Each structure stands twice: as structure tokens, then as C-alpha cells.
């Protein structure tokens, strides 16, 4: 378990550790136009290859597949560390992202292989809590801090070298202490199993993700959503996405994301809830610190301290949610109630203003944190109550991919909403004499230095309104997560413990046949659908 936690910690901070090193990297490589790709190359492969790793964990040894993913993450980190030019660094980031996709998905698969079903909610909550806090919480602060320390005291290359010894320790722990049962699906030759990975489907998925990420990346650089470039990329994304869905339908059980799995009621609901929940959470995690800095005038360190109640409460109630499911058995109640409470908490954040007291903003962020903390990891447990063991890796990968996609899309949407609100205020002449583009470029921590003192109160009001508009985006997402989570089936995680394993093995026998026919996932037939 310690090895898994180290791996998830490494993967998660790797998304942010480079941020404070980028100015030094671009100075050394003369590569300012490549800045966006240093982050996007990693996120692109991390998101696009999660489903294929779900297939890999089904068709190959879980232990060897996890170690292979860790190898690629380490290889990408090493390549970044020794990169002689910008292109090599981008390639290294893409390889590291590819490996991270397998490590994140594999961490949940390892839990499912090593822990009894009735205890999994607790362990899933711990792994998922660490992933959430490191990716969007503690890691969002620790990553840049570590990057700054390495860059200032040694070299930016240590942002990547640090992964090598820690990743090696994780690999050693996996080799020595993780001994899963032989994968029942690992029959046939290596070539036969490799061809069953649905390479065509993954190429289509990668192409669609590439166009979507390019569109999102360009919008954060100031290119309008209505521009021909953005529209063309979004249309291309839609067309290739439709082609991907059609190909998946034709491939049947041999697809990257078989329809019998992703269209299963609980799996679909878990993916939808994860997509909406992470879309709501990511804007809070990124823009609440900006509110502290811009509106209250806090420093970066002080805003991190002010976020401690949010992250600690979120982590605690994520664990509480896991314990509740382990004791009671059902995922649906905490998923629904938690999402609803989180949505109310986001609504309370719309009350934030320059006169908000400490007690008020702490209370608002705690309500949001409690709710989403309870619900955030329930999708991972839910899919394991309805899927056969051989399908759990694919179902888990689908939920992880939905989380990543929701976070990536709505962070860009939130950023665009924020900037557009500031630009609208400038167009309405609410800020005469203020260069709003310079304000945006300088950021929350520095805009007070360039805005005249007599314009500062108005600027703060405009900033506050823009941030509240960003929080508004999270309200419908939280509401949709609440509605979607209602469709998670009431299947108990205590089934295996109570001797109900037979009910999960298909439609073949005895009592409960009707329930099995309606809710269980049918075993793979291996057949393709006709065109």
C-alpha cells in the first residue's frame, strides 16, 4: 500500500512540478512557443491511454503491466532530465504521461486484486484521496514548491530526476510484496493478445483527444472560441469521436471500451458522475486560491494555508465515505448525498465578496469539501460491485479517464470564463485607464502592482465578480453529478463476504436469476458486430 501511495504521489505532483521551472527551461532552450506543450503533452497521453491500459490489465499480468507502466514513467522522466532541446523534453513528457496512465489505473486494479471486496471502499478511498489531494490539492502547492527549490538550488532537471529513486522504490515493493493470482485472460500468444488491445480504437481516441486538447490549449492563449481554428478543431474532435464510437460498437467485446461494460448502468453512471464531479472540483481547487490572493490580498503561501481546511476536510470525509460503504455495503447513498451537499457548498461560494469574514469563507469551503469528499471516490467502488473480476480493469480505466477528461475540459472552461468576464468589464469601460491584458498576464498575485490606487477598489470588485462567475460553472456540474449518481445500482460490497459470489457470476443459475439478467454484465463472447 505504501508503494502505491508513493507511485500516486509521484504521478500527481509531476503534473505541476514543472510550472515554476518553465521560465528557466524556455530561457535555456529559447522555446517560449512550446510552453503549452510541456503540460499538454503529459495530459494528452495520460488521458488518451487510460482505456488501453484497462485492456492491458485484462489481457496481461497485472504485476508485469504495472511495472511496465512504471518503467515508461521513469523512462520519460529520465528523458526529460537529460533533454538537450525542447523537442526531446516534450517527447519525454508524453512518454511519462503514457506511463502515468497505467500507474493511476493500475493502482486501483492492484487494490481490487489484493483486497477483499467488502474492504475495498476503505483502500480505494485512501488511494483516491491521495490522488485527488496530490493532483488538485496538496500536489498543486507541493509540486510548484519542489520545482522552485530544485530550480533555484540545483537545476530544473531535478524536477524529473527525483522520480527515478522514488519510482524505483515503488517498483521494488511491487516485485517483492505483490503476488497476484494468474490472470485468467492471459491465454494465447503475446502477439494475439497485443492485437486484442484494439490499436485502431486507441489511435482514434488519441486523435480525438489531441484535437480537443489543442482547442482547449489555444483558448487559454487568448484565441477566441469563435475562431476558425478552434471551431475546426472541435468539429474534427466530434467527427473522430463519432468514428471511435462506431468502431467500438463494431468491435464488440474486443473493443477498447466494450459497450457491454461502459453501457452497463452503474459503470455509465459512475463515469458520468466522475466527469461532472471533477469538472466542478477542479475550478474550486484552482480559483479559490486566486480569490484569497486577489480579493483578500494574501500571498501565495498564505492562500495555501487558507486552503488547508478545504483539503483536510475533503481527505477526511473521503475516508469516512469509504468506511461508511464498507460498513453499510451500498455506494448509492453517499454518492447522491455527497454530490448534493457539494453542490450546496459551491452555491455558498457565490456569496464571497471583499467583506466576507474568515468564519464565513471557511464555512463555505468546508460545506463544499465535505460533500464532494464523501462522493468523489464512490464510482470506483460502484463499478467493482457489478463487474466480473476480469472486467474491473476496463471499468476502472473508464472512470479514471472520465475524471481526467472532466478536469481538463472544465479547467479550460473556467479559465476562459474568468478571462472573458475581465475583458467584458474592460469593454464596458468599468476600468478606464487599466490595461486588462496586462492584468491578466501578471496574475492574481501581482495585479495590485500595476493598477492605480484609485482604480483598485473597482478592480477588486470586477475580479470578485469574475471569480464568482467561475464558481457558478460548478453548480450545474454538481447538480448533474447528483442526478447521475441516482442511477448507480444498489449492489452491496458485502456480497462476496456474505457468500453471494454466485449471483455475480452471470445468468446461469438458481435464485436471483431475474436480477442477474437485468443488472449483471454478460460474459465476453469475443464476437464482433456486423457492419
Protein backbone atom coordinates (compact mmCIF):
# COMPACT_ATOMS: atom_id res chain seq x y z
CA UNK A 1 0.00 0.00 0.00
CA UNK A 2 2.89 2.35 0.78
CA UNK A 3 4.32 1.60 -2.67
CA UNK A 4 1.01 2.50 -4.32
CA UNK A 5 0.80 5.75 -2.36
CA UNK A 6 4.34 6.71 -3.40
CA UNK A 7 3.52 5.98 -7.03
CA UNK A 8 0.31 8.01 -7.00
CA UNK A 9 2.10 10.87 -5.24
CA UNK A 10 4.84 10.92 -7.90
CA UNK A 11 2.39 10.79 -10.80
CA UNK A 12 0.24 13.53 -9.34
CA UNK A 13 2.89 16.13 -8.48
CA UNK A 14 4.53 15.52 -11.86
CA UNK A 15 1.64 17.48 -13.38
CA UNK A 16 2.58 20.65 -11.51
CA UNK A 17 6.25 20.41 -10.52
CA UNK A 18 7.37 21.81 -13.88
CA UNK A 19 5.37 25.04 -13.57
CA UNK A 20 7.98 27.05 -11.65
CA UNK A 21 10.79 25.65 -13.82
CA UNK A 22 9.27 26.68 -17.16
CA UNK A 23 10.84 30.20 -17.24
CA UNK A 24 14.30 28.65 -16.83
CA UNK A 25 13.59 25.92 -19.39
CA UNK A 26 12.38 28.37 -22.03
CA UNK A 27 15.40 30.58 -21.39
CA UNK A 28 17.79 27.65 -21.87
CA UNK A 29 16.06 26.21 -24.94
CA UNK A 30 14.73 29.51 -26.39
CA UNK A 31 11.36 27.77 -26.61
CA UNK A 32 8.63 30.15 -25.43
CA UNK A 33 6.17 28.93 -28.14
CA UNK A 34 6.44 25.39 -26.69
CA UNK A 35 5.32 26.33 -23.16
CA UNK A 36 1.81 24.94 -23.60
CA UNK A 37 3.11 21.58 -24.78
CA UNK A 38 5.20 20.98 -21.65
CA UNK A 39 1.96 20.41 -19.77
CA UNK A 40 -0.38 19.32 -22.57
CA UNK A 41 1.87 16.53 -23.90
CA UNK A 42 1.72 14.89 -20.48
CA UNK A 43 -2.03 15.34 -20.00
CA UNK A 44 -2.83 14.22 -23.55
CA UNK A 45 -1.19 10.81 -23.28
CA UNK A 46 -2.26 10.38 -19.64
CA UNK A 47 -5.92 10.82 -20.62
CA UNK A 48 -5.91 9.03 -24.00
CA UNK A 49 -4.10 5.87 -22.88
CA UNK A 50 -6.03 5.12 -19.69
CA UNK A 51 -8.59 2.95 -21.56
CA UNK A 52 -5.88 0.95 -23.36
CA UNK A 53 -4.21 0.25 -20.03
CA UNK A 54 -7.56 -1.03 -18.85
CA UNK A 55 -7.35 -3.60 -21.67
CA UNK A 56 -3.70 -4.35 -20.87
CA UNK A 57 -4.56 -5.18 -17.26
CA UNK A 58 -7.29 -7.52 -18.56
CA UNK A 59 -5.17 -9.40 -21.11
CA UNK A 60 -1.78 -9.44 -19.40
CA UNK A 61 -0.32 -9.96 -15.93
CA UNK A 62 -1.40 -7.16 -13.56
CA UNK A 63 2.00 -7.14 -11.86
CA UNK A 64 4.04 -7.04 -15.07
CA UNK A 65 1.71 -4.47 -16.64
CA UNK A 66 2.00 -2.18 -13.62
CA UNK A 67 5.79 -2.48 -13.64
CA UNK A 68 5.81 -1.75 -17.39
CA UNK A 69 3.78 1.41 -16.83
CA UNK A 70 6.18 2.47 -14.07
CA UNK A 71 9.11 1.78 -16.42
CA UNK A 72 7.69 4.12 -19.06
CA UNK A 73 7.04 6.80 -16.47
CA UNK A 74 10.64 6.51 -15.26
CA UNK A 75 11.94 6.46 -18.84
CA UNK A 76 10.02 9.61 -19.69
CA UNK A 77 11.31 11.31 -16.54
CA UNK A 78 14.90 10.34 -17.38
CA UNK A 79 14.49 11.62 -20.94
CA UNK A 80 13.17 14.94 -19.61
CA UNK A 81 16.06 15.20 -17.18
CA UNK A 82 18.74 14.74 -19.84
CA UNK A 83 16.86 16.57 -22.64
CA UNK A 84 19.25 18.61 -24.82
CA UNK A 85 16.43 20.52 -26.52
CA UNK A 86 12.76 21.42 -26.26
CA UNK A 87 11.50 18.66 -28.59
CA UNK A 88 13.19 15.96 -26.51
CA UNK A 89 11.61 17.40 -23.38
CA UNK A 90 8.15 17.32 -24.98
CA UNK A 91 8.66 13.71 -26.10
CA UNK A 92 9.80 12.80 -22.60
CA UNK A 93 6.70 14.42 -21.11
CA UNK A 94 4.49 12.45 -23.50
CA UNK A 95 6.20 9.16 -22.55
CA UNK A 96 5.89 9.97 -18.84
CA UNK A 97 2.20 10.75 -19.35
CA UNK A 98 1.74 7.39 -21.08
CA UNK A 99 3.28 5.62 -18.11
CA UNK A 100 1.23 7.63 -15.62
CA UNK A 101 -1.98 6.42 -17.30
CA UNK A 102 -1.06 2.84 -16.43
CA UNK A 103 0.10 3.65 -12.91
CA UNK A 104 -3.09 5.52 -11.98
CA UNK A 105 -5.42 2.90 -13.44
CA UNK A 106 -3.21 0.09 -12.19
CA UNK A 107 -3.24 1.37 -8.61
CA UNK A 108 -6.99 0.75 -8.38
CA UNK A 109 -6.62 -2.60 -10.17
CA UNK A 110 -3.96 -3.69 -7.68
CA UNK A 111 -6.32 -2.80 -4.81
CA UNK A 112 -9.09 -4.88 -6.43
CA UNK A 113 -6.68 -7.81 -6.83
CA UNK A 114 -5.20 -7.66 -3.33
CA UNK A 115 -8.09 -6.58 -1.08
CA UNK A 116 -11.41 -8.38 -0.38
CA UNK A 117 -14.45 -6.68 -1.89
CA UNK A 118 -16.03 -5.64 1.43
CA UNK A 119 -12.80 -3.84 2.46
CA UNK A 120 -12.05 -2.21 -0.88
CA UNK A 121 -14.03 1.01 -0.27
CA UNK A 122 -11.58 1.98 2.51
CA UNK A 123 -8.46 1.22 0.47
CA UNK A 124 -9.92 2.80 -2.67
CA UNK A 125 -10.74 5.89 -0.61
CA UNK A 126 -7.14 6.10 0.61
CA UNK A 127 -5.62 5.74 -2.89
CA UNK A 128 -8.23 8.00 -4.46
CA UNK A 129 -7.92 10.57 -1.69
CA UNK A 130 -4.16 10.72 -2.23
CA UNK A 131 -4.65 11.00 -6.00
CA UNK A 132 -7.15 13.86 -5.59
CA UNK A 133 -5.15 15.74 -2.99
CA UNK A 134 -1.86 15.40 -4.86
CA UNK A 135 -3.29 16.13 -8.28
CA UNK A 136 -5.52 19.07 -7.37
CA UNK A 137 -4.80 19.78 -3.72
CA UNK A 138 -1.54 19.37 -1.82
CA UNK A 139 0.27 18.49 -5.04
CA UNK A 140 -0.91 21.71 -6.63
CA UNK A 141 1.12 23.51 -3.93
CA UNK A 142 3.89 20.98 -3.23
CA UNK A 143 4.65 20.41 -6.92
CA UNK A 144 5.49 24.04 -7.77
CA UNK A 145 7.28 24.44 -4.42
CA UNK A 146 9.53 21.45 -5.10
CA UNK A 147 10.08 22.67 -8.64
CA UNK A 148 11.16 26.06 -7.35
CA UNK A 149 13.53 24.53 -4.77
CA UNK A 150 15.21 22.29 -7.36
CA UNK A 151 15.41 25.06 -9.94
CA UNK A 152 16.87 27.64 -7.58
CA UNK A 153 19.23 25.41 -5.60
CA UNK A 154 20.31 22.77 -8.13
CA UNK A 155 18.84 22.64 -11.65
CA UNK A 156 15.39 22.31 -13.19
CA UNK A 157 16.39 18.83 -14.38
CA UNK A 158 15.99 17.55 -10.81
CA UNK A 159 12.25 18.11 -11.22
CA UNK A 160 12.45 14.88 -13.24
CA UNK A 161 15.43 13.11 -11.68
CA UNK A 162 13.58 12.98 -8.35
CA UNK A 163 11.15 10.48 -9.89
CA UNK A 164 13.87 7.90 -10.50
CA UNK A 165 14.79 6.77 -6.95
CA UNK A 166 11.23 7.04 -5.60
CA UNK A 167 9.79 5.20 -8.59
CA UNK A 168 12.48 2.57 -8.20
CA UNK A 169 11.46 2.03 -4.58
CA UNK A 170 7.84 1.57 -5.65
CA UNK A 171 8.85 -0.96 -8.33
CA UNK A 172 10.92 -2.87 -5.77
CA UNK A 173 7.96 -3.03 -3.37
CA UNK A 174 5.72 -4.35 -6.15
CA UNK A 175 8.26 -7.01 -7.14
CA UNK A 176 8.80 -8.22 -3.57
CA UNK A 177 5.37 -7.98 -1.97
CA UNK A 178 2.66 -8.09 -4.67
CA UNK A 179 1.95 -11.64 -5.84
CA UNK A 180 -1.49 -11.74 -7.51
CA UNK A 181 -3.17 -14.83 -8.90
CA UNK A 182 -2.52 -15.68 -12.53
CA UNK A 183 -4.67 -13.63 -14.89
CA UNK A 184 -7.36 -15.94 -16.28
CA UNK A 185 -7.45 -13.97 -19.54
CA UNK A 186 -3.72 -14.24 -20.24
CA UNK A 187 -4.07 -17.12 -22.68
CA UNK A 188 -2.85 -17.13 -26.25
CA UNK A 189 0.42 -15.83 -27.62
CA UNK A 190 1.77 -12.39 -26.87
CA UNK A 191 1.05 -11.25 -30.44
CA UNK A 192 -2.54 -12.47 -30.24
CA UNK A 193 -3.15 -10.62 -27.00
CA UNK A 194 -1.43 -7.49 -28.32
CA UNK A 195 -3.71 -7.45 -31.36
CA UNK A 196 -6.69 -7.69 -29.00
CA UNK A 197 -5.75 -4.32 -27.47
CA UNK A 198 -7.78 -2.55 -30.20
CA UNK A 199 -4.97 -0.45 -31.64
CA UNK A 200 -7.28 1.20 -34.18
CA UNK A 201 -9.64 2.29 -31.42
CA UNK A 202 -6.79 3.78 -29.44
CA UNK A 203 -5.49 5.69 -32.49
CA UNK A 204 -8.97 7.18 -33.00
CA UNK A 205 -9.24 8.04 -29.30
CA UNK A 206 -5.79 9.63 -29.31
CA UNK A 207 -6.66 11.67 -32.42
CA UNK A 208 -9.91 12.92 -30.89
CA UNK A 209 -8.17 13.78 -27.61
CA UNK A 210 -5.38 15.59 -29.47
CA UNK A 211 -7.81 17.87 -31.30
CA UNK A 212 -9.79 18.57 -28.13
CA UNK A 213 -6.68 19.37 -26.10
CA UNK A 214 -5.33 21.60 -28.88
CA UNK A 215 -8.58 23.56 -28.92
CA UNK A 216 -8.55 23.94 -25.13
CA UNK A 217 -4.87 24.90 -25.13
CA UNK A 218 -5.34 27.60 -27.78
CA UNK A 219 -8.31 29.14 -25.95
CA UNK A 220 -6.14 29.62 -22.86
CA UNK A 221 -3.69 31.52 -25.07
CA UNK A 222 -6.31 34.10 -25.96
CA UNK A 223 -7.67 32.65 -29.22
CA UNK A 224 -11.47 33.12 -29.35
CA UNK A 225 -13.80 30.13 -29.22
CA UNK A 226 -15.46 31.53 -32.37
CA UNK A 227 -12.22 31.48 -34.40
CA UNK A 228 -11.95 29.20 -37.42
CA UNK A 229 -9.08 27.29 -35.82
CA UNK A 230 -10.98 26.43 -32.64
CA UNK A 231 -14.19 25.58 -34.50
CA UNK A 232 -12.26 23.38 -36.92
CA UNK A 233 -10.55 21.50 -34.10
CA UNK A 234 -13.82 21.00 -32.22
CA UNK A 235 -15.60 19.79 -35.37
CA UNK A 236 -12.70 17.43 -36.07
CA UNK A 237 -12.89 16.19 -32.50
CA UNK A 238 -16.62 15.50 -32.90
CA UNK A 239 -16.18 13.61 -36.17
CA UNK A 240 -13.33 11.42 -34.90
CA UNK A 241 -15.19 10.82 -31.63
CA UNK A 242 -18.19 9.53 -33.62
CA UNK A 243 -15.86 7.30 -35.63
CA UNK A 244 -14.42 5.98 -32.37
CA UNK A 245 -17.89 5.16 -31.01
CA UNK A 246 -18.80 3.40 -34.27
CA UNK A 247 -15.60 1.38 -34.22
CA UNK A 248 -16.19 0.38 -30.60
CA UNK A 249 -19.69 -0.78 -31.48
CA UNK A 250 -18.38 -2.90 -34.36
CA UNK A 251 -15.57 -4.49 -32.31
CA UNK A 252 -17.98 -5.65 -29.63
CA UNK A 253 -16.23 -7.44 -26.75
CA UNK A 254 -12.83 -6.91 -28.37
CA UNK A 255 -13.20 -3.11 -28.24
CA UNK A 256 -11.03 -0.79 -26.19
CA UNK A 257 -14.13 0.13 -24.18
CA UNK A 258 -16.65 -2.69 -24.80
CA UNK A 259 -20.20 -1.40 -24.89
CA UNK A 260 -21.40 -4.19 -22.59
CA UNK A 261 -19.14 -2.68 -19.91
CA UNK A 262 -19.38 1.09 -20.45
CA UNK A 263 -23.12 0.95 -21.19
CA UNK A 264 -23.79 -1.07 -18.06
CA UNK A 265 -25.95 1.13 -15.87
CA UNK A 266 -23.62 1.53 -12.88
CA UNK A 267 -20.48 1.94 -15.00
CA UNK A 268 -22.11 4.64 -17.13
CA UNK A 269 -23.41 6.43 -14.05
CA UNK A 270 -20.02 6.22 -12.33
CA UNK A 271 -18.26 7.67 -15.38
CA UNK A 272 -20.83 10.46 -15.71
CA UNK A 273 -20.63 11.30 -12.01
CA UNK A 274 -16.80 11.30 -12.11
CA UNK A 275 -16.77 13.58 -15.16
CA UNK A 276 -19.13 16.10 -13.58
CA UNK A 277 -17.64 15.95 -10.09
CA UNK A 278 -14.06 16.52 -11.20
CA UNK A 279 -15.21 19.28 -13.53
CA UNK A 280 -16.80 21.02 -10.52
CA UNK A 281 -13.93 20.40 -8.12
CA UNK A 282 -11.07 21.50 -10.35
CA UNK A 283 -12.35 25.07 -10.63
CA UNK A 284 -12.63 25.32 -6.85
CA UNK A 285 -9.13 23.98 -6.34
CA UNK A 286 -7.55 26.36 -8.82
CA UNK A 287 -9.63 29.53 -8.39
CA UNK A 288 -10.22 29.61 -4.63
CA UNK A 289 -6.50 30.37 -4.02
CA UNK A 290 -6.79 33.13 -6.62
CA UNK A 291 -9.72 34.60 -4.67
CA UNK A 292 -7.63 34.65 -1.48
CA UNK A 293 -4.74 36.37 -3.25
CA UNK A 294 -6.68 38.79 -5.44
CA UNK A 295 -9.56 39.80 -3.16
CA UNK A 296 -8.05 39.43 0.30
CA UNK A 297 -4.51 40.36 -0.73
CA UNK A 298 -2.96 37.17 0.65
CA UNK A 299 0.43 35.85 -0.50
CA UNK A 300 0.78 32.54 -2.33
CA UNK A 301 1.85 30.80 0.89
CA UNK A 302 -1.00 32.38 2.88
CA UNK A 303 -3.55 31.31 0.28
CA UNK A 304 -2.18 27.77 0.56
CA UNK A 305 -2.70 27.91 4.31
CA UNK A 306 -6.26 29.16 3.78
CA UNK A 307 -6.93 26.11 1.58
CA UNK A 308 -5.89 23.70 4.34
CA UNK A 309 -9.44 23.38 5.80
CA UNK A 310 -10.73 22.56 2.33
CA UNK A 311 -8.19 19.83 1.60
CA UNK A 312 -8.06 18.31 5.08
CA UNK A 313 -11.85 18.08 5.35
CA UNK A 314 -12.06 16.68 1.81
CA UNK A 315 -9.49 13.99 2.62
CA UNK A 316 -11.15 13.10 5.94
CA UNK A 317 -14.65 12.74 4.50
CA UNK A 318 -13.35 10.79 1.52
CA UNK A 319 -12.10 8.24 4.04
CA UNK A 320 -15.35 8.48 6.02
CA UNK A 321 -17.28 7.75 2.83
CA UNK A 322 -15.16 4.66 2.20
CA UNK A 323 -15.66 3.40 5.76
CA UNK A 324 -19.42 4.02 5.51
CA UNK A 325 -19.69 1.94 2.34
CA UNK A 326 -17.57 -0.83 3.86
CA UNK A 327 -19.89 -0.99 6.89
CA UNK A 328 -23.27 -0.43 5.23
CA UNK A 329 -22.47 -2.02 1.89
CA UNK A 330 -24.09 0.44 -0.53
CA UNK A 331 -22.45 3.12 -2.65
CA UNK A 332 -25.52 5.00 -3.89
CA UNK A 333 -26.46 6.92 -0.68
CA UNK A 334 -23.08 8.62 -0.13
CA UNK A 335 -22.73 9.28 -3.86
CA UNK A 336 -26.08 11.07 -4.05
CA UNK A 337 -25.99 12.85 -0.68
CA UNK A 338 -22.35 13.87 -1.05
CA UNK A 339 -22.87 15.35 -4.52
CA UNK A 340 -25.92 17.29 -3.29
CA UNK A 341 -24.06 18.72 -0.29
CA UNK A 342 -21.11 19.65 -2.50
CA UNK A 343 -23.42 21.50 -4.89
CA UNK A 344 -24.89 23.48 -1.98
CA UNK A 345 -21.37 24.34 -0.87
CA UNK A 346 -20.48 25.66 -4.33
CA UNK A 347 -23.63 27.77 -4.24
CA UNK A 348 -22.50 29.28 -0.93
CA UNK A 349 -19.22 30.35 -2.58
CA UNK A 350 -21.25 32.78 -4.70
CA UNK A 351 -21.65 34.83 -1.51
CA UNK A 352 -17.92 35.60 -1.40
CA UNK A 353 -17.06 39.31 -1.51
CA UNK A 354 -14.47 41.75 -0.22
CA UNK A 355 -16.22 41.91 3.18
CA UNK A 356 -16.56 38.15 3.72
CA UNK A 357 -15.28 37.16 7.17
CA UNK A 358 -12.90 34.30 7.87
CA UNK A 359 -15.62 32.30 9.58
CA UNK A 360 -17.84 32.66 6.52
CA UNK A 361 -15.37 31.59 3.84
CA UNK A 362 -14.10 28.71 5.98
CA UNK A 363 -17.68 27.53 6.42
CA UNK A 364 -18.44 27.80 2.70
CA UNK A 365 -15.38 25.84 1.61
CA UNK A 366 -15.94 23.19 4.28
CA UNK A 367 -19.51 22.51 3.09
CA UNK A 368 -18.31 22.04 -0.48
CA UNK A 369 -15.38 19.92 0.68
CA UNK A 370 -17.50 17.65 2.89
CA UNK A 371 -19.93 16.90 0.09
CA UNK A 372 -17.51 16.16 -2.70
CA UNK A 373 -15.20 14.36 -0.27
CA UNK A 374 -17.99 11.88 0.51
CA UNK A 375 -18.89 11.24 -3.14
CA UNK A 376 -15.65 11.62 -5.06
CA UNK A 377 -14.38 8.01 -4.90
CA UNK A 378 -17.68 6.14 -4.89
CA UNK A 379 -17.61 5.47 -8.63
CA UNK A 380 -14.53 3.26 -8.29
CA UNK A 381 -16.21 1.12 -5.68
CA UNK A 382 -19.51 1.03 -7.58
CA UNK A 383 -18.06 -0.49 -10.75
CA UNK A 384 -16.47 -3.27 -8.71
CA UNK A 385 -19.84 -4.33 -7.32
CA UNK A 386 -21.35 -5.02 -10.76
CA UNK A 387 -18.43 -6.18 -12.92
CA UNK A 388 -16.80 -9.56 -13.12
CA UNK A 389 -13.19 -9.55 -11.91
CA UNK A 390 -11.91 -9.86 -15.48
CA UNK A 391 -13.74 -6.64 -16.44
CA UNK A 392 -12.80 -4.49 -13.43
CA UNK A 393 -9.65 -3.09 -15.04
CA UNK A 394 -11.59 -1.75 -18.04
CA UNK A 395 -14.35 -0.34 -15.84
CA UNK A 396 -11.82 1.34 -13.54
CA UNK A 397 -9.92 2.79 -16.50
CA UNK A 398 -13.16 4.24 -17.86
CA UNK A 399 -13.85 6.05 -14.57
CA UNK A 400 -10.28 7.38 -14.34
CA UNK A 401 -10.45 8.61 -17.95
CA UNK A 402 -13.78 10.33 -17.24
CA UNK A 403 -12.25 12.10 -14.25
CA UNK A 404 -9.24 13.32 -16.23
CA UNK A 405 -11.37 14.46 -19.14
CA UNK A 406 -13.80 16.34 -16.91
CA UNK A 407 -10.97 18.11 -15.09
CA UNK A 408 -9.12 19.02 -18.30
CA UNK A 409 -12.20 20.38 -20.08
CA UNK A 410 -13.72 22.42 -17.27
CA UNK A 411 -10.46 23.92 -16.07
CA UNK A 412 -10.11 25.40 -19.55
CA UNK A 413 -13.77 26.46 -19.50
CA UNK A 414 -13.30 28.10 -16.11
CA UNK A 415 -10.19 29.94 -17.29
CA UNK A 416 -11.99 31.18 -20.40
CA UNK A 417 -15.00 32.33 -18.36
CA UNK A 418 -12.71 34.18 -15.96
CA UNK A 419 -10.78 35.99 -18.67
CA UNK A 420 -13.92 36.81 -20.65
CA UNK A 421 -15.51 38.39 -17.58
CA UNK A 422 -12.50 40.66 -17.15
CA UNK A 423 -12.48 41.55 -20.84
CA UNK A 424 -16.22 42.35 -20.74
CA UNK A 425 -15.67 44.67 -17.81
CA UNK A 426 -12.95 46.44 -19.77
CA UNK A 427 -15.19 46.70 -22.85
CA UNK A 428 -17.95 48.18 -20.70
CA UNK A 429 -15.47 50.89 -19.62
CA UNK A 430 -15.71 49.84 -15.99
CA UNK A 431 -11.93 50.08 -15.74
CA UNK A 432 -10.85 53.24 -17.61
CA UNK A 433 -7.10 53.57 -17.87
CA UNK A 434 -6.43 49.93 -16.85
CA UNK A 435 -4.66 47.60 -19.30
CA UNK A 436 -6.75 44.49 -18.68
CA UNK A 437 -4.45 42.30 -20.81
CA UNK A 438 -1.53 43.27 -18.59
CA UNK A 439 -3.65 42.49 -15.53
CA UNK A 440 -4.41 39.01 -16.87
CA UNK A 441 -0.78 38.37 -17.77
CA UNK A 442 0.53 39.49 -14.36
CA UNK A 443 -1.87 37.24 -12.45
CA UNK A 444 -3.66 37.47 -9.12
CA UNK A 445 -0.57 37.92 -7.01
CA UNK A 446 0.75 40.93 -8.94
CA UNK A 447 -2.16 42.86 -10.47
CA UNK A 448 -2.27 45.23 -7.49
CA UNK A 449 1.18 46.49 -8.55
CA UNK A 450 0.02 47.73 -11.97
CA UNK A 451 -3.47 49.03 -11.19
CA UNK A 452 -3.59 52.67 -9.98
CA UNK A 453 -4.56 53.03 -6.34
CA UNK A 454 -7.75 54.95 -7.15
CA UNK A 455 -8.89 52.16 -9.52
CA UNK A 456 -8.01 49.30 -7.18
CA UNK A 457 -11.39 49.05 -5.33
CA UNK A 458 -13.28 48.81 -8.66
CA UNK A 459 -10.72 46.31 -9.98
CA UNK A 460 -11.18 44.11 -6.92
CA UNK A 461 -14.97 44.16 -7.36
CA UNK A 462 -14.61 43.19 -11.03
CA UNK A 463 -12.17 40.41 -10.09
CA UNK A 464 -14.54 39.13 -7.41
CA UNK A 465 -17.46 39.04 -9.84
CA UNK A 466 -15.36 37.17 -12.41
CA UNK A 467 -14.34 34.57 -9.84
CA UNK A 468 -17.92 34.08 -8.65
CA UNK A 469 -18.94 33.51 -12.27
CA UNK A 470 -16.31 30.76 -12.48
CA UNK A 471 -17.74 29.13 -9.34
CA UNK A 472 -21.18 29.33 -10.95
CA UNK A 473 -19.95 26.91 -13.65
CA UNK A 474 -19.52 24.25 -10.95
CA UNK A 475 -23.15 24.45 -9.75
CA UNK A 476 -24.82 22.71 -12.72
CA UNK A 477 -21.97 20.21 -12.79
CA UNK A 478 -22.58 19.32 -9.14
CA UNK A 479 -26.33 19.11 -9.76
CA UNK A 480 -25.78 16.78 -12.73
CA UNK A 481 -23.44 14.64 -10.64
CA UNK A 482 -26.23 14.33 -8.03
CA UNK A 483 -28.79 13.30 -10.63
CA UNK A 484 -26.48 10.87 -12.42
CA UNK A 485 -25.40 9.19 -9.18
CA UNK A 486 -29.04 8.23 -8.55
CA UNK A 487 -28.66 5.69 -11.38
CA UNK A 488 -25.92 3.73 -9.57
CA UNK A 489 -27.39 0.32 -8.73
CA UNK A 490 -27.95 -0.72 -5.14
CA UNK A 491 -25.41 -3.55 -5.10
CA UNK A 492 -23.74 -4.34 -1.78
CA UNK A 493 -19.97 -4.62 -1.45
CA UNK A 494 -20.68 -7.26 1.20
CA UNK A 495 -21.93 -9.66 -1.46
CA UNK A 496 -18.68 -11.63 -1.63
CA UNK A 497 -18.32 -11.70 2.14
CA UNK A 498 -21.87 -12.95 2.61
CA UNK A 499 -21.41 -15.78 0.12
CA UNK A 500 -23.24 -14.11 -2.72
CA UNK A 501 -20.45 -14.61 -5.23
CA UNK A 502 -22.61 -16.95 -7.28
CA UNK A 503 -25.02 -14.15 -8.01
CA UNK A 504 -22.24 -12.20 -9.68
CA UNK A 505 -21.09 -14.98 -11.99
CA UNK A 506 -23.70 -14.47 -14.69
CA UNK A 507 -27.13 -15.68 -15.61
CA UNK A 508 -26.57 -19.39 -15.17
CA UNK A 509 -28.35 -20.47 -12.00
CA UNK A 510 -30.90 -20.56 -9.29
CA UNK A 511 -32.40 -17.81 -7.28
CA UNK A 512 -31.87 -14.22 -8.26
CA UNK A 513 -31.88 -15.07 -11.97
CA UNK A 514 -34.04 -12.14 -12.86
CA UNK A 515 -31.78 -9.72 -11.04
CA UNK A 516 -28.74 -11.18 -12.71
CA UNK A 517 -30.31 -10.90 -16.13
CA UNK A 518 -31.10 -7.26 -15.60
CA UNK A 519 -28.04 -5.99 -13.84
CA UNK A 520 -25.04 -8.26 -14.35
CA UNK A 521 -22.55 -7.77 -17.11
CA UNK A 522 -22.69 -10.65 -19.58
CA UNK A 523 -19.50 -12.64 -20.14
CA UNK A 524 -17.48 -11.80 -23.19
CA UNK A 525 -18.48 -13.61 -26.39
CA UNK A 526 -15.46 -12.43 -28.32
CA UNK A 527 -17.67 -11.69 -31.34
CA UNK A 528 -17.67 -8.62 -33.49
CA UNK A 529 -20.83 -6.94 -34.60
CA UNK A 530 -21.54 -6.89 -38.34
CA UNK A 531 -21.24 -3.60 -40.18
